[in-house]
Amino acid sequence: MPEAGSEPLIRLIGVTKRFGSGDAAFQALKGVDLDIMAGDFMAVMGPSGSGKSTTMNILGCLDVPTTGSFLFRGHHIESLGRDQRALLRRRYLGFVFQGFNLLARTSALENVELPLLYRGDDKRARRAAALAALDQVGLVDWASHTPSELSGGQQQRVAIARAIVTHPDVLLADEPTGNLDSERSLEIMELLTRLNRDRGITVLMVTHEAEMAAFARTVVHFRDGLVERVTTGALAA
């Protein structure tokens, strides 16, 4: 749980994002202010074109603001170069996507090992960490199976194991239940809730489904490139 009175883990101050130039320019973000506390579970909602995906790309260090400040642990991120942002992603962030993004001909274990391979960890350490991550999502017995041998819900759990194997501070989930049926969606949301509660991982989730957003403690609503409102606690559901 976030600590009362503590400084935000992440802070956006007057963030704008402009794509293109001249007559073709599009202002995706028009001055976003947002504080995210460590240990929060935040759902990001809004209609298509509202700015939520652009904001998540900035929070995930996949893009940078045109103007404004992006602070992580009090450090300005907006001025970092591409390589520095890549290092920050590898060390502090984990990503879960709607389409799972697993390598088709690679086992669940090997898929989960990938971030550690990119980081340069040795084989023994990679295997131990990947098995531990699969155990946390209830799939250690499926470690040798390829994605085609797993259900959609199992594939997403492998993707979550891959996201948490590096022990990230923040998990960014983009429509994590978008390709799943209702029962599997609830399983994934319960898993994310457990990781947030038991491991203290800050979860930032884009969703268009109110039922999924109800699992979050904070819900941020975007509209027309701005934060329209933020609801917390019982109001968030």
Protein backbone atom coordinates (compact mmCIF):
# COMPACT_ATOMS: atom_id res chain seq x y z
CA MET A 1 0.00 0.00 0.00
CA PRO A 2 1.20 3.55 -0.69
CA GLU A 3 2.52 5.32 2.40
CA ALA A 4 0.60 8.40 3.51
CA GLY A 5 2.59 11.59 3.08
CA SER A 6 5.37 9.97 1.02
CA GLU A 7 6.70 11.49 -2.19
CA PRO A 8 5.31 10.14 -5.48
CA LEU A 9 7.30 7.38 -7.17
CA ILE A 10 6.39 8.96 -10.51
CA ARG A 11 5.34 12.52 -11.25
CA LEU A 12 4.22 14.11 -14.52
CA ILE A 13 4.17 17.92 -14.49
CA GLY A 14 2.66 19.83 -17.41
CA VAL A 15 3.51 17.06 -19.86
CA THR A 16 2.64 17.71 -23.49
CA LYS A 17 3.22 15.55 -26.54
CA ARG A 18 3.05 16.80 -30.10
CA PHE A 19 3.34 14.58 -33.16
CA GLY A 20 4.21 15.98 -36.57
CA SER A 21 4.61 19.63 -37.49
CA GLY A 22 2.81 22.41 -39.30
CA ASP A 23 -0.72 21.72 -40.51
CA ALA A 24 -0.25 17.97 -39.88
CA ALA A 25 0.66 18.44 -36.19
CA PHE A 26 -1.39 16.63 -33.57
CA GLN A 27 -1.33 17.54 -29.88
CA ALA A 28 -1.82 14.20 -28.12
CA LEU A 29 -1.19 15.54 -24.60
CA LYS A 30 -2.01 19.09 -23.59
CA GLY A 31 -0.49 19.45 -20.13
CA VAL A 32 -0.85 16.30 -18.06
CA ASP A 33 -0.26 16.47 -14.30
CA LEU A 34 -0.22 13.12 -12.53
CA ASP A 35 1.27 11.70 -9.33
CA ILE A 36 1.73 7.95 -8.90
CA MET A 37 2.57 6.63 -5.45
CA ALA A 38 4.79 3.61 -4.87
CA GLY A 39 2.68 0.49 -4.35
CA ASP A 40 -0.45 1.87 -6.02
CA PHE A 41 -2.60 -0.10 -8.45
CA MET A 42 -3.71 2.45 -11.03
CA ALA A 43 -6.11 1.90 -13.93
CA VAL A 44 -5.92 4.33 -16.85
CA MET A 45 -9.12 4.78 -18.83
CA GLY A 46 -10.46 6.98 -21.60
CA PRO A 47 -11.85 6.91 -25.13
CA SER A 48 -9.67 6.34 -28.19
CA GLY A 49 -7.49 9.38 -28.80
CA SER A 50 -7.78 10.63 -25.23
CA GLY A 51 -4.04 10.44 -24.57
CA LYS A 52 -3.90 7.41 -22.28
CA SER A 53 -1.65 5.31 -24.55
CA THR A 54 0.69 8.23 -25.22
CA THR A 55 0.97 8.80 -21.48
CA MET A 56 1.73 5.12 -20.87
CA ASN A 57 4.46 5.21 -23.54
CA ILE A 58 6.07 8.11 -21.71
CA LEU A 59 5.72 6.39 -18.32
CA GLY A 60 7.30 3.27 -19.84
CA CYS A 61 10.26 5.31 -21.15
CA LEU A 62 9.32 4.33 -24.70
CA ASP A 63 8.77 8.00 -25.64
CA VAL A 64 9.59 11.42 -24.22
CA PRO A 65 7.44 14.51 -23.61
CA THR A 66 7.57 17.43 -26.00
CA THR A 67 7.48 19.74 -23.00
CA GLY A 68 7.00 19.28 -19.27
CA SER A 69 8.68 17.13 -16.63
CA PHE A 70 8.69 13.38 -16.00
CA LEU A 71 10.22 12.45 -12.65
CA PHE A 72 10.98 8.93 -11.44
CA ARG A 73 12.12 8.70 -7.82
CA GLY A 74 12.74 12.44 -7.97
CA HIS A 75 15.04 12.22 -11.01
CA HIS A 76 14.19 13.98 -14.28
CA ILE A 77 13.70 11.40 -17.03
CA GLU A 78 12.56 13.64 -19.89
CA SER A 79 16.15 14.69 -20.67
CA LEU A 80 17.63 11.18 -20.75
CA GLY A 81 18.93 9.74 -23.99
CA ARG A 82 17.65 6.56 -25.60
CA ASP A 83 20.30 4.30 -24.07
CA GLN A 84 19.75 5.72 -20.58
CA ARG A 85 16.00 5.18 -20.89
CA ALA A 86 16.63 1.61 -22.04
CA LEU A 87 18.71 0.98 -18.91
CA LEU A 88 15.93 2.40 -16.74
CA ARG A 89 13.38 0.11 -18.44
CA ARG A 90 15.53 -2.97 -17.89
CA ARG A 91 16.15 -2.18 -14.24
CA TYR A 92 12.86 -0.78 -12.97
CA LEU A 93 10.01 -1.56 -15.40
CA GLY A 94 8.11 -4.64 -16.54
CA PHE A 95 5.64 -4.77 -19.46
CA VAL A 96 2.55 -6.87 -20.14
CA PHE A 97 0.74 -6.57 -23.48
CA GLN A 98 -2.71 -7.45 -24.76
CA GLY A 99 -1.23 -9.79 -27.39
CA PHE A 100 1.11 -11.60 -24.94
CA ASN A 101 4.12 -11.07 -27.29
CA LEU A 102 5.64 -14.49 -26.59
CA LEU A 103 8.13 -16.17 -28.94
CA ALA A 104 6.10 -18.91 -30.61
CA ARG A 105 8.75 -21.64 -30.88
CA THR A 106 10.27 -21.01 -27.47
CA SER A 107 9.29 -22.68 -24.19
CA ALA A 108 7.58 -20.79 -21.40
CA LEU A 109 10.80 -21.00 -19.38
CA GLU A 110 12.90 -19.57 -22.21
CA ASN A 111 10.37 -16.79 -22.82
CA VAL A 112 10.58 -15.77 -19.16
CA GLU A 113 14.40 -15.89 -19.27
CA LEU A 114 14.61 -13.37 -22.13
CA PRO A 115 14.91 -10.14 -20.08
CA LEU A 116 17.70 -11.75 -18.05
CA LEU A 117 19.46 -12.88 -21.22
CA TYR A 118 19.41 -9.30 -22.52
CA ARG A 119 20.74 -8.15 -19.14
CA GLY A 120 23.67 -10.57 -19.39
CA ASP A 121 22.84 -12.88 -16.47
CA ASP A 122 24.48 -16.33 -16.61
CA LYS A 123 22.47 -19.39 -17.58
CA ARG A 124 22.12 -20.88 -14.10
CA ALA A 125 20.89 -17.60 -12.59
CA ARG A 126 18.47 -17.07 -15.50
CA ARG A 127 16.94 -20.50 -15.11
CA ALA A 128 16.51 -20.23 -11.35
CA ALA A 129 14.92 -16.78 -11.59
CA ALA A 130 12.62 -17.81 -14.46
CA LEU A 131 11.41 -20.91 -12.60
CA ALA A 132 10.73 -18.78 -9.52
CA ALA A 133 8.72 -16.31 -11.61
CA LEU A 134 6.72 -19.12 -13.24
CA ASP A 135 6.04 -20.52 -9.80
CA GLN A 136 4.63 -17.16 -8.70
CA VAL A 137 2.10 -17.26 -11.56
CA GLY A 138 1.26 -20.93 -10.99
CA LEU A 139 2.88 -22.30 -14.15
CA VAL A 140 6.12 -23.95 -13.08
CA ASP A 141 4.75 -27.33 -14.24
CA TRP A 142 4.27 -25.85 -17.73
CA ALA A 143 7.81 -24.50 -18.08
CA SER A 144 8.71 -26.72 -21.05
CA HIS A 145 5.55 -25.97 -23.04
CA THR A 146 5.47 -23.61 -26.01
CA PRO A 147 2.78 -20.89 -26.31
CA SER A 148 0.74 -23.01 -28.75
CA GLU A 149 0.39 -25.63 -26.01
CA LEU A 150 -0.99 -23.09 -23.53
CA SER A 151 -4.39 -21.44 -23.17
CA GLY A 152 -4.76 -17.69 -23.58
CA GLY A 153 -4.85 -17.21 -19.84
CA GLN A 154 -1.73 -19.33 -19.39
CA GLN A 155 0.08 -17.37 -22.11
CA GLN A 156 -0.72 -14.12 -20.33
CA ARG A 157 0.55 -15.57 -17.07
CA VAL A 158 3.81 -16.49 -18.81
CA ALA A 159 3.97 -12.90 -20.08
CA ILE A 160 3.46 -11.63 -16.52
CA ALA A 161 6.20 -13.97 -15.26
CA ARG A 162 8.51 -12.54 -17.92
CA ALA A 163 7.59 -9.02 -16.78
CA ILE A 164 8.33 -9.69 -13.09
CA VAL A 165 11.43 -11.87 -13.45
CA THR A 166 13.68 -8.79 -13.16
CA HIS A 167 11.92 -7.68 -9.94
CA PRO A 168 10.66 -4.39 -11.39
CA ASP A 169 9.34 -1.52 -9.31
CA VAL A 170 6.59 -0.82 -11.85
CA LEU A 171 4.49 -3.14 -14.00
CA LEU A 172 2.86 -1.49 -17.02
CA ALA A 173 -0.02 -3.54 -18.41
CA ASP A 174 -1.66 -2.52 -21.69
CA GLU A 175 -5.15 -4.07 -21.91
CA PRO A 176 -3.87 -7.27 -20.24
CA THR A 177 -7.29 -8.95 -20.41
CA GLY A 178 -8.26 -7.69 -23.87
CA ASN A 179 -7.79 -11.08 -25.58
CA LEU A 180 -9.26 -13.20 -22.79
CA ASP A 181 -12.72 -14.45 -21.84
CA SER A 182 -14.37 -13.32 -18.60
CA GLU A 183 -13.12 -16.21 -16.46
CA ARG A 184 -9.51 -15.91 -17.63
CA SER A 185 -9.71 -12.11 -17.28
CA LEU A 186 -10.64 -12.42 -13.63
CA GLU A 187 -7.75 -14.85 -13.08
CA ILE A 188 -5.29 -12.35 -14.55
CA MET A 189 -6.70 -9.47 -12.52
CA GLU A 190 -6.49 -11.50 -9.32
CA LEU A 191 -2.87 -12.33 -10.17
CA LEU A 192 -2.01 -8.65 -10.76
CA THR A 193 -3.75 -7.74 -7.50
CA ARG A 194 -1.73 -10.36 -5.62
CA LEU A 195 1.57 -9.16 -7.11
CA ASN A 196 0.66 -5.60 -6.17
CA ARG A 197 -0.36 -6.54 -2.64
CA ASP A 198 2.23 -9.18 -1.76
CA ARG A 199 5.29 -7.93 -3.65
CA GLY A 200 4.55 -4.21 -3.56
CA ILE A 201 4.84 -3.82 -7.33
CA THR A 202 3.27 -0.60 -8.57
CA VAL A 203 0.79 -1.57 -11.30
CA LEU A 204 -0.23 0.82 -14.09
CA MET A 205 -2.91 -0.71 -16.30
CA VAL A 206 -4.66 0.63 -19.38
CA THR A 207 -8.15 -0.81 -19.73
CA HIS A 208 -11.47 0.10 -21.32
CA GLU A 209 -13.37 -2.33 -19.10
CA ALA A 210 -14.93 -0.94 -15.91
CA GLU A 211 -15.01 -4.44 -14.40
CA MET A 212 -11.22 -4.68 -14.70
CA ALA A 213 -10.67 -1.11 -13.50
CA ALA A 214 -12.63 -1.99 -10.35
CA PHE A 215 -9.62 -4.02 -9.17
CA ALA A 216 -7.51 -0.84 -9.02
CA ARG A 217 -7.19 1.49 -6.04
CA THR A 218 -6.83 4.55 -8.28
CA VAL A 219 -8.54 5.19 -11.62
CA VAL A 220 -7.35 7.98 -13.92
CA HIS A 221 -9.75 9.12 -16.64
CA PHE A 222 -8.28 10.80 -19.71
CA ARG A 223 -10.15 12.96 -22.20
CA ASP A 224 -8.87 15.16 -25.03
CA GLY A 225 -5.22 14.93 -23.99
CA LEU A 226 -5.79 15.81 -20.34
CA VAL A 227 -6.53 14.07 -17.06
CA GLU A 228 -10.28 14.58 -16.68
CA ARG A 229 -10.54 13.17 -13.16
CA VAL A 230 -8.86 10.84 -10.67
CA THR A 231 -10.87 8.60 -8.35
CA THR A 232 -9.43 6.64 -5.45
CA GLY A 233 -10.44 4.10 -2.84
CA ALA A 234 -14.08 3.01 -2.90
CA LEU A 235 -14.84 5.63 -5.57
CA ALA A 236 -12.35 4.03 -7.94
CA ALA A 237 -14.59 0.98 -8.39
